[in-house]
């Protein structure tokens, strides 16, 4: 049984995203999570509010074309954080140094 499982995990399979890569079954998760150009990914500016989900291969283009949007989102996030911090200080939860 152990031999069967080992052979099964070493069996070559094609990428489930149809990118054309052939890899070992045991490595397919690594490929799709770390390397596959067709894997859908959230924008790195997701925490700032960017809702874009895009294929890994298109991420560079998205980052370039949405630079202004990302800057605007980051500015809004910073301003909101500052307002929250100031309100928290006013309530006496945080002392200002």
N, C-alpha and C. Protein backbone atom coordinates (compact mmCIF):
# COMPACT_ATOMS: atom_id res chain seq x y z
N UNK A 1 0.83 -1.20 0.00
CA UNK A 1 0.00 0.00 0.00
C UNK A 1 0.87 1.26 0.00
N UNK A 2 1.93 1.25 0.81
CA UNK A 2 2.84 2.40 0.87
C UNK A 2 3.46 2.67 -0.50
N UNK A 3 3.85 1.60 -1.20
CA UNK A 3 4.42 1.75 -2.55
C UNK A 3 3.40 2.36 -3.51
N UNK A 4 2.15 1.93 -3.38
CA UNK A 4 1.10 2.47 -4.25
C UNK A 4 0.92 3.97 -4.00
N UNK A 5 0.86 4.37 -2.74
CA UNK A 5 0.68 5.78 -2.40
C UNK A 5 1.86 6.60 -2.90
N UNK A 6 3.07 6.08 -2.74
CA UNK A 6 4.26 6.79 -3.21
C UNK A 6 4.23 6.94 -4.73
N UNK A 7 3.89 5.89 -5.45
CA UNK A 7 3.81 5.96 -6.90
C UNK A 7 2.71 6.93 -7.34
N UNK A 8 1.57 6.91 -6.64
CA UNK A 8 0.45 7.79 -6.96
C UNK A 8 0.86 9.26 -6.81
N UNK A 9 1.60 9.58 -5.75
CA UNK A 9 2.00 10.97 -5.53
C UNK A 9 3.09 11.41 -6.50
N UNK A 10 3.80 10.46 -7.09
CA UNK A 10 4.86 10.77 -8.06
C UNK A 10 4.34 10.77 -9.49
N UNK A 11 3.07 10.47 -9.67
CA UNK A 11 2.47 10.40 -11.00
C UNK A 11 2.39 11.80 -11.60
N UNK A 12 2.85 12.01 -12.83
CA UNK A 12 2.76 13.33 -13.45
C UNK A 12 1.32 13.68 -13.84
N UNK A 13 0.94 14.90 -13.53
CA UNK A 13 -0.40 15.39 -13.87
C UNK A 13 -0.27 16.78 -14.49
N UNK A 14 -1.27 17.17 -15.26
CA UNK A 14 -1.27 18.52 -15.83
C UNK A 14 -1.91 19.48 -14.86
N UNK A 15 -1.54 20.71 -14.95
CA UNK A 15 -2.05 21.76 -14.08
C UNK A 15 -3.58 21.86 -14.21
N UNK A 16 -4.30 21.94 -13.09
CA UNK A 16 -5.76 22.06 -13.15
C UNK A 16 -6.22 23.38 -13.76
N UNK A 17 -5.32 24.37 -13.82
CA UNK A 17 -5.66 25.66 -14.43
C UNK A 17 -5.43 25.65 -15.95
N UNK A 18 -4.96 24.51 -16.46
CA UNK A 18 -4.68 24.36 -17.90
C UNK A 18 -3.61 25.31 -18.42
N UNK A 19 -2.58 25.53 -17.62
CA UNK A 19 -1.48 26.38 -18.08
C UNK A 19 -0.49 25.60 -18.94
N UNK A 20 -0.65 24.27 -19.00
CA UNK A 20 0.22 23.44 -19.82
C UNK A 20 1.36 22.78 -19.07
N UNK A 21 1.54 23.10 -17.80
CA UNK A 21 2.63 22.52 -17.02
C UNK A 21 2.26 21.10 -16.60
N UNK A 22 3.24 20.23 -16.70
CA UNK A 22 3.11 18.85 -16.25
C UNK A 22 4.01 18.73 -15.03
N UNK A 23 3.45 18.33 -13.89
CA UNK A 23 4.23 18.22 -12.65
C UNK A 23 3.77 17.02 -11.86
N UNK A 24 4.55 16.65 -10.88
CA UNK A 24 4.17 15.53 -10.03
C UNK A 24 2.91 15.87 -9.24
N UNK A 25 2.07 14.87 -9.05
CA UNK A 25 0.82 15.08 -8.30
C UNK A 25 1.10 15.72 -6.94
N UNK A 26 2.16 15.29 -6.26
CA UNK A 26 2.48 15.81 -4.94
C UNK A 26 2.93 17.28 -4.99
N UNK A 27 3.28 17.77 -6.16
CA UNK A 27 3.77 19.14 -6.30
C UNK A 27 2.74 20.09 -6.91
N UNK A 28 1.57 19.58 -7.26
CA UNK A 28 0.59 20.40 -7.97
C UNK A 28 0.09 21.56 -7.11
N UNK A 29 -0.08 21.35 -5.81
CA UNK A 29 -0.53 22.44 -4.93
C UNK A 29 0.52 23.55 -4.90
N UNK A 30 1.78 23.17 -4.82
CA UNK A 30 2.85 24.18 -4.84
C UNK A 30 2.84 24.95 -6.15
N UNK A 31 2.66 24.24 -7.23
CA UNK A 31 2.63 24.90 -8.54
C UNK A 31 1.50 25.92 -8.61
N UNK A 32 0.28 25.50 -8.27
CA UNK A 32 -0.86 26.42 -8.41
C UNK A 32 -0.77 27.58 -7.43
N UNK A 33 -0.28 27.35 -6.22
CA UNK A 33 -0.21 28.43 -5.22
C UNK A 33 0.95 29.39 -5.46
N UNK A 34 2.07 28.87 -5.97
CA UNK A 34 3.28 29.69 -6.04
C UNK A 34 3.73 30.09 -7.44
N UNK A 35 3.38 29.31 -8.46
CA UNK A 35 3.98 29.52 -9.77
C UNK A 35 3.03 29.67 -10.94
N UNK A 36 1.89 29.02 -10.91
CA UNK A 36 1.03 28.97 -12.08
C UNK A 36 0.62 30.38 -12.52
N UNK A 37 0.88 30.72 -13.78
CA UNK A 37 0.52 32.05 -14.26
C UNK A 37 -0.99 32.26 -14.39
N UNK A 38 -1.77 31.17 -14.36
CA UNK A 38 -3.23 31.29 -14.52
C UNK A 38 -3.99 31.27 -13.19
N UNK A 39 -3.29 31.13 -12.08
CA UNK A 39 -3.94 31.15 -10.77
C UNK A 39 -4.53 32.53 -10.50
N UNK A 40 -5.77 32.56 -10.07
CA UNK A 40 -6.43 33.82 -9.71
C UNK A 40 -5.93 34.24 -8.33
N UNK A 41 -5.57 35.50 -8.22
CA UNK A 41 -5.03 36.02 -6.97
C UNK A 41 -5.68 37.35 -6.63
N UNK A 42 -5.78 37.64 -5.33
CA UNK A 42 -6.25 38.98 -4.96
C UNK A 42 -5.11 39.98 -5.15
N UNK A 43 -5.46 41.20 -5.40
CA UNK A 43 -4.47 42.26 -5.51
C UNK A 43 -3.76 42.42 -4.17
N UNK A 44 -2.45 42.70 -4.17
CA UNK A 44 -1.75 42.93 -2.91
C UNK A 44 -2.28 44.14 -2.15
N UNK A 45 -3.03 44.99 -2.82
CA UNK A 45 -3.63 46.16 -2.17
C UNK A 45 -5.05 45.87 -1.69
N UNK A 46 -5.37 44.61 -1.53
CA UNK A 46 -6.68 44.19 -1.05
C UNK A 46 -6.99 44.82 0.32
N UNK A 47 -6.00 44.87 1.21
CA UNK A 47 -6.21 45.45 2.53
C UNK A 47 -6.52 46.95 2.46
N UNK A 48 -6.11 47.57 1.38
CA UNK A 48 -6.38 48.99 1.20
C UNK A 48 -7.76 49.21 0.58
N UNK A 49 -8.34 48.12 0.03
CA UNK A 49 -9.67 48.24 -0.55
C UNK A 49 -9.77 47.86 -2.01
N UNK A 50 -8.68 47.46 -2.65
CA UNK A 50 -8.76 47.03 -4.05
C UNK A 50 -9.46 45.68 -4.12
N UNK A 51 -10.51 45.59 -4.90
CA UNK A 51 -11.33 44.38 -4.98
C UNK A 51 -10.92 43.46 -6.15
N UNK A 52 -9.90 43.83 -6.88
CA UNK A 52 -9.49 43.09 -8.07
C UNK A 52 -8.93 41.71 -7.72
N UNK A 53 -9.41 40.71 -8.44
CA UNK A 53 -8.82 39.37 -8.41
C UNK A 53 -8.41 39.11 -9.85
N UNK A 54 -7.16 38.72 -10.02
CA UNK A 54 -6.60 38.65 -11.37
C UNK A 54 -5.62 37.49 -11.47
N UNK A 55 -5.40 37.01 -12.68
CA UNK A 55 -4.43 35.94 -12.87
C UNK A 55 -3.02 36.45 -12.56
N UNK A 56 -2.21 35.55 -12.00
CA UNK A 56 -0.84 35.90 -11.62
C UNK A 56 -0.09 36.58 -12.78
N UNK A 57 -0.28 36.08 -14.00
CA UNK A 57 0.44 36.63 -15.15
C UNK A 57 0.06 38.07 -15.48
N UNK A 58 -1.11 38.50 -15.01
CA UNK A 58 -1.58 39.86 -15.28
C UNK A 58 -1.34 40.82 -14.12
N UNK A 59 -0.76 40.32 -13.02
CA UNK A 59 -0.62 41.15 -11.82
C UNK A 59 0.27 42.37 -12.07
N UNK A 60 1.38 42.20 -12.75
CA UNK A 60 2.27 43.33 -13.02
C UNK A 60 1.55 44.43 -13.78
N UNK A 61 0.78 44.05 -14.77
CA UNK A 61 0.02 45.01 -15.56
C UNK A 61 -1.02 45.72 -14.69
N UNK A 62 -1.71 44.96 -13.83
CA UNK A 62 -2.70 45.55 -12.94
C UNK A 62 -2.04 46.56 -12.01
N UNK A 63 -0.92 46.16 -11.40
CA UNK A 63 -0.24 47.06 -10.46
C UNK A 63 0.20 48.34 -11.15
N UNK A 64 0.65 48.22 -12.39
CA UNK A 64 1.07 49.41 -13.14
C UNK A 64 -0.13 50.29 -13.49
N UNK A 65 -1.18 49.70 -14.00
CA UNK A 65 -2.32 50.50 -14.47
C UNK A 65 -3.17 51.04 -13.33
N UNK A 66 -3.14 50.41 -12.17
CA UNK A 66 -3.97 50.84 -11.04
C UNK A 66 -3.16 51.58 -9.98
N UNK A 67 -2.00 52.07 -10.35
CA UNK A 67 -1.14 52.74 -9.38
C UNK A 67 -1.84 53.92 -8.70
N UNK A 68 -2.52 54.72 -9.48
CA UNK A 68 -3.22 55.89 -8.93
C UNK A 68 -4.35 55.45 -7.98
N UNK A 69 -5.10 54.44 -8.39
CA UNK A 69 -6.17 53.89 -7.54
C UNK A 69 -5.59 53.39 -6.23
N UNK A 70 -4.49 52.64 -6.31
CA UNK A 70 -3.88 52.09 -5.09
C UNK A 70 -3.38 53.20 -4.17
N UNK A 71 -2.81 54.26 -4.75
CA UNK A 71 -2.36 55.40 -3.94
C UNK A 71 -3.55 56.07 -3.27
N UNK A 72 -4.62 56.27 -4.01
CA UNK A 72 -5.83 56.88 -3.43
C UNK A 72 -6.40 56.02 -2.31
N UNK A 73 -6.45 54.70 -2.53
CA UNK A 73 -6.96 53.79 -1.50
C UNK A 73 -6.09 53.83 -0.26
N UNK A 74 -4.77 53.87 -0.45
CA UNK A 74 -3.84 53.92 0.68
C UNK A 74 -4.00 55.22 1.46
N UNK A 75 -4.19 56.33 0.76
CA UNK A 75 -4.39 57.62 1.42
C UNK A 75 -5.66 57.62 2.25
N UNK A 76 -6.73 57.08 1.70
CA UNK A 76 -7.99 56.99 2.44
C UNK A 76 -7.80 56.14 3.69
N UNK A 77 -7.10 55.02 3.55
CA UNK A 77 -6.86 54.12 4.68
C UNK A 77 -6.04 54.83 5.76
N UNK A 78 -5.00 55.56 5.37
CA UNK A 78 -4.18 56.28 6.33
C UNK A 78 -5.00 57.35 7.04
N UNK A 79 -5.79 58.10 6.29
CA UNK A 79 -6.62 59.15 6.90
C UNK A 79 -7.63 58.56 7.88
N UNK A 80 -8.25 57.46 7.51
CA UNK A 80 -9.21 56.80 8.39
C UNK A 80 -8.52 56.30 9.65
N UNK A 81 -7.35 55.74 9.50
CA UNK A 81 -6.60 55.24 10.65
C UNK A 81 -6.21 56.39 11.57
N UNK A 82 -5.78 57.52 11.01
CA UNK A 82 -5.43 58.69 11.82
C UNK A 82 -6.65 59.21 12.58
N UNK A 83 -7.79 59.27 11.91
CA UNK A 83 -9.01 59.73 12.57
C UNK A 83 -9.38 58.81 13.73
N UNK A 84 -9.29 57.52 13.50
CA UNK A 84 -9.60 56.56 14.56
C UNK A 84 -8.62 56.71 15.72
N UNK A 85 -7.36 56.88 15.42
CA UNK A 85 -6.34 57.07 16.46
C UNK A 85 -6.62 58.33 17.26
N UNK A 86 -6.95 59.42 16.58
CA UNK A 86 -7.25 60.68 17.27
C UNK A 86 -8.48 60.55 18.16
N UNK A 87 -9.50 59.88 17.67
CA UNK A 87 -10.71 59.65 18.48
C UNK A 87 -10.39 58.80 19.70
N UNK A 88 -9.57 57.80 19.52
CA UNK A 88 -9.18 56.92 20.63
C UNK A 88 -8.39 57.71 21.66
N UNK A 89 -7.52 58.60 21.20
CA UNK A 89 -6.76 59.46 22.14
C UNK A 89 -7.70 60.38 22.91
N UNK A 90 -8.68 60.95 22.21
CA UNK A 90 -9.63 61.85 22.87
C UNK A 90 -10.39 61.14 23.97
N UNK A 91 -10.68 59.87 23.75
CA UNK A 91 -11.41 59.09 24.75
C UNK A 91 -10.50 58.64 25.90
N UNK A 92 -9.20 58.89 25.76
CA UNK A 92 -8.26 58.57 26.83
C UNK A 92 -7.74 57.16 26.83
N UNK A 93 -7.99 56.42 25.78
CA UNK A 93 -7.50 55.03 25.72
C UNK A 93 -6.02 54.97 25.37
N UNK A 94 -5.53 55.99 24.67
CA UNK A 94 -4.13 56.04 24.27
C UNK A 94 -3.59 57.39 24.67
N UNK A 95 -2.43 57.40 25.29
CA UNK A 95 -1.79 58.69 25.63
C UNK A 95 -0.80 59.04 24.55
N UNK A 96 -0.71 60.33 24.28
CA UNK A 96 0.18 60.80 23.25
C UNK A 96 1.53 61.09 23.88
N UNK A 97 2.62 60.65 23.25
CA UNK A 97 3.97 60.88 23.79
C UNK A 97 4.48 62.23 23.39
